[in-house]
C-alpha atoms as a PDB file:
ATOM      1  CA  UNK A   1      24.147 -17.954  24.777  1.00  0.00           C
ATOM      2  CA  UNK A   2      21.897 -15.098  23.690  1.00  0.00           C
ATOM      3  CA  UNK A   3      24.171 -14.206  20.768  1.00  0.00           C
ATOM      4  CA  UNK A   4      24.018 -17.798  19.519  1.00  0.00           C
ATOM      5  CA  UNK A   5      20.226 -17.720  19.528  1.00  0.00           C
ATOM      6  CA  UNK A   6      20.183 -14.391  17.671  1.00  0.00           C
ATOM      7  CA  UNK A   7      22.703 -15.681  15.116  1.00  0.00           C
ATOM      8  CA  UNK A   8      20.707 -18.849  14.472  1.00  0.00           C
ATOM      9  CA  UNK A   9      17.473 -16.845  14.162  1.00  0.00           C
ATOM     10  CA  UNK A  10      19.028 -14.458  11.631  1.00  0.00           C
ATOM     11  CA  UNK A  11      20.420 -17.374   9.674  1.00  0.00           C
ATOM     12  CA  UNK A  12      17.071 -19.176   9.535  1.00  0.00           C
ATOM     13  CA  UNK A  13      15.021 -16.128   8.629  1.00  0.00           C
ATOM     14  CA  UNK A  14      17.419 -14.951   5.934  1.00  0.00           C
ATOM     15  CA  UNK A  15      16.885 -18.010   3.747  1.00  0.00           C
ATOM     16  CA  UNK A  16      15.269 -17.207   0.400  1.00  0.00           C
ATOM     17  CA  UNK A  17      11.535 -17.790   0.121  1.00  0.00           C
ATOM     18  CA  UNK A  18       9.151 -17.859  -2.796  1.00  0.00           C
ATOM     19  CA  UNK A  19       6.365 -15.289  -2.808  1.00  0.00           C
ATOM     20  CA  UNK A  20       3.964 -17.318  -4.937  1.00  0.00           C
ATOM     21  CA  UNK A  21       2.722 -20.873  -4.823  1.00  0.00           C
ATOM     22  CA  UNK A  22       3.901 -23.282  -7.519  1.00  0.00           C
ATOM     23  CA  UNK A  23       0.584 -23.246  -9.394  1.00  0.00           C
ATOM     24  CA  UNK A  24       0.337 -19.453  -9.485  1.00  0.00           C
ATOM     25  CA  UNK A  25       3.941 -19.169 -10.596  1.00  0.00           C
ATOM     26  CA  UNK A  26       3.464 -21.680 -13.435  1.00  0.00           C
ATOM     27  CA  UNK A  27       0.379 -19.871 -14.725  1.00  0.00           C
ATOM     28  CA  UNK A  28       1.980 -16.449 -14.521  1.00  0.00           C
ATOM     29  CA  UNK A  29       5.205 -17.534 -16.231  1.00  0.00           C
ATOM     30  CA  UNK A  30       3.350 -19.160 -19.136  1.00  0.00           C
ATOM     31  CA  UNK A  31       1.389 -15.998 -19.981  1.00  0.00           C
ATOM     32  CA  UNK A  32       2.660 -14.103 -23.019  1.00  0.00           C
ATOM     33  CA  UNK A  33       2.065 -10.468 -22.065  1.00  0.00           C
ATOM     34  CA  UNK A  34       3.157 -10.841 -18.429  1.00  0.00           C
ATOM     35  CA  UNK A  35       0.589  -8.180 -17.437  1.00  0.00           C
ATOM     36  CA  UNK A  36      -1.030 -10.422 -14.838  1.00  0.00           C
ATOM     37  CA  UNK A  37       2.374 -11.240 -13.334  1.00  0.00           C
ATOM     38  CA  UNK A  38       3.185  -7.535 -13.048  1.00  0.00           C
ATOM     39  CA  UNK A  39      -0.160  -6.937 -11.340  1.00  0.00           C
ATOM     40  CA  UNK A  40       0.396  -9.773  -8.872  1.00  0.00           C
ATOM     41  CA  UNK A  41       3.894  -8.516  -8.037  1.00  0.00           C
ATOM     42  CA  UNK A  42       2.621  -4.953  -7.562  1.00  0.00           C
ATOM     43  CA  UNK A  43      -0.080  -6.266  -5.231  1.00  0.00           C
ATOM     44  CA  UNK A  44       2.485  -8.169  -3.179  1.00  0.00           C
ATOM     45  CA  UNK A  45       4.624  -5.039  -2.831  1.00  0.00           C
ATOM     46  CA  UNK A  46       1.582  -2.946  -1.890  1.00  0.00           C
ATOM     47  CA  UNK A  47       0.575  -5.399   0.841  1.00  0.00           C
ATOM     48  CA  UNK A  48       4.166  -5.601   2.084  1.00  0.00           C
ATOM     49  CA  UNK A  49       4.646  -1.813   2.400  1.00  0.00           C
ATOM     50  CA  UNK A  50       1.583  -1.070   4.559  1.00  0.00           C
ATOM     51  CA  UNK A  51       2.904  -2.554   7.853  1.00  0.00           C
ATOM     52  CA  UNK A  52       6.231  -0.742   7.455  1.00  0.00           C
ATOM     53  CA  UNK A  53       4.485   2.591   6.865  1.00  0.00           C
ATOM     54  CA  UNK A  54       2.305   2.084   9.944  1.00  0.00           C
ATOM     55  CA  UNK A  55       5.320   1.213  12.097  1.00  0.00           C
ATOM     56  CA  UNK A  56       7.160   4.288  10.795  1.00  0.00           C
ATOM     57  CA  UNK A  57       4.210   6.551  11.660  1.00  0.00           C
ATOM     58  CA  UNK A  58       3.946   5.145  15.192  1.00  0.00           C
ATOM     59  CA  UNK A  59       7.717   5.481  15.614  1.00  0.00           C
ATOM     60  CA  UNK A  60       7.594   9.089  14.458  1.00  0.00           C
ATOM     61  CA  UNK A  61       4.873   9.971  16.996  1.00  0.00           C
ATOM     62  CA  UNK A  62       6.816   8.266  19.789  1.00  0.00           C
ATOM     63  CA  UNK A  63       9.986  10.123  18.771  1.00  0.00           C
ATOM     64  CA  UNK A  64       8.128  13.449  18.575  1.00  0.00           C
ATOM     65  CA  UNK A  65       6.572  12.968  22.029  1.00  0.00           C
ATOM     66  CA  UNK A  66       9.951  12.095  23.565  1.00  0.00           C
ATOM     67  CA  UNK A  67      11.594  15.201  22.074  1.00  0.00           C
ATOM     68  CA  UNK A  68       9.021  17.748  23.301  1.00  0.00           C
ATOM     69  CA  UNK A  69      10.726  20.727  24.951  1.00  0.00           C
ATOM     70  CA  UNK A  70      10.218  20.868  28.688  1.00  0.00           C
ATOM     71  CA  UNK A  71       9.369  17.192  29.031  1.00  0.00           C
ATOM     72  CA  UNK A  72      10.516  15.492  32.243  1.00  0.00           C
ATOM     73  CA  UNK A  73      12.935  12.578  31.751  1.00  0.00           C
END
């Protein structure tokens, strides 16, 4: 039963999604230089990376504390 729930969850969350609303996309695609579109996409990537970096830092500290020599397990 649990594997079915996990499979359905993966299937639902793997569907493609648009990063911009329809109005923003229309305005950005109609621009000639595409500089604003590049800036918007860079901003989206910047905002997306921050949570992953924070999780990686916390994971590293947890890993380092678990691997200390002489620690009781």
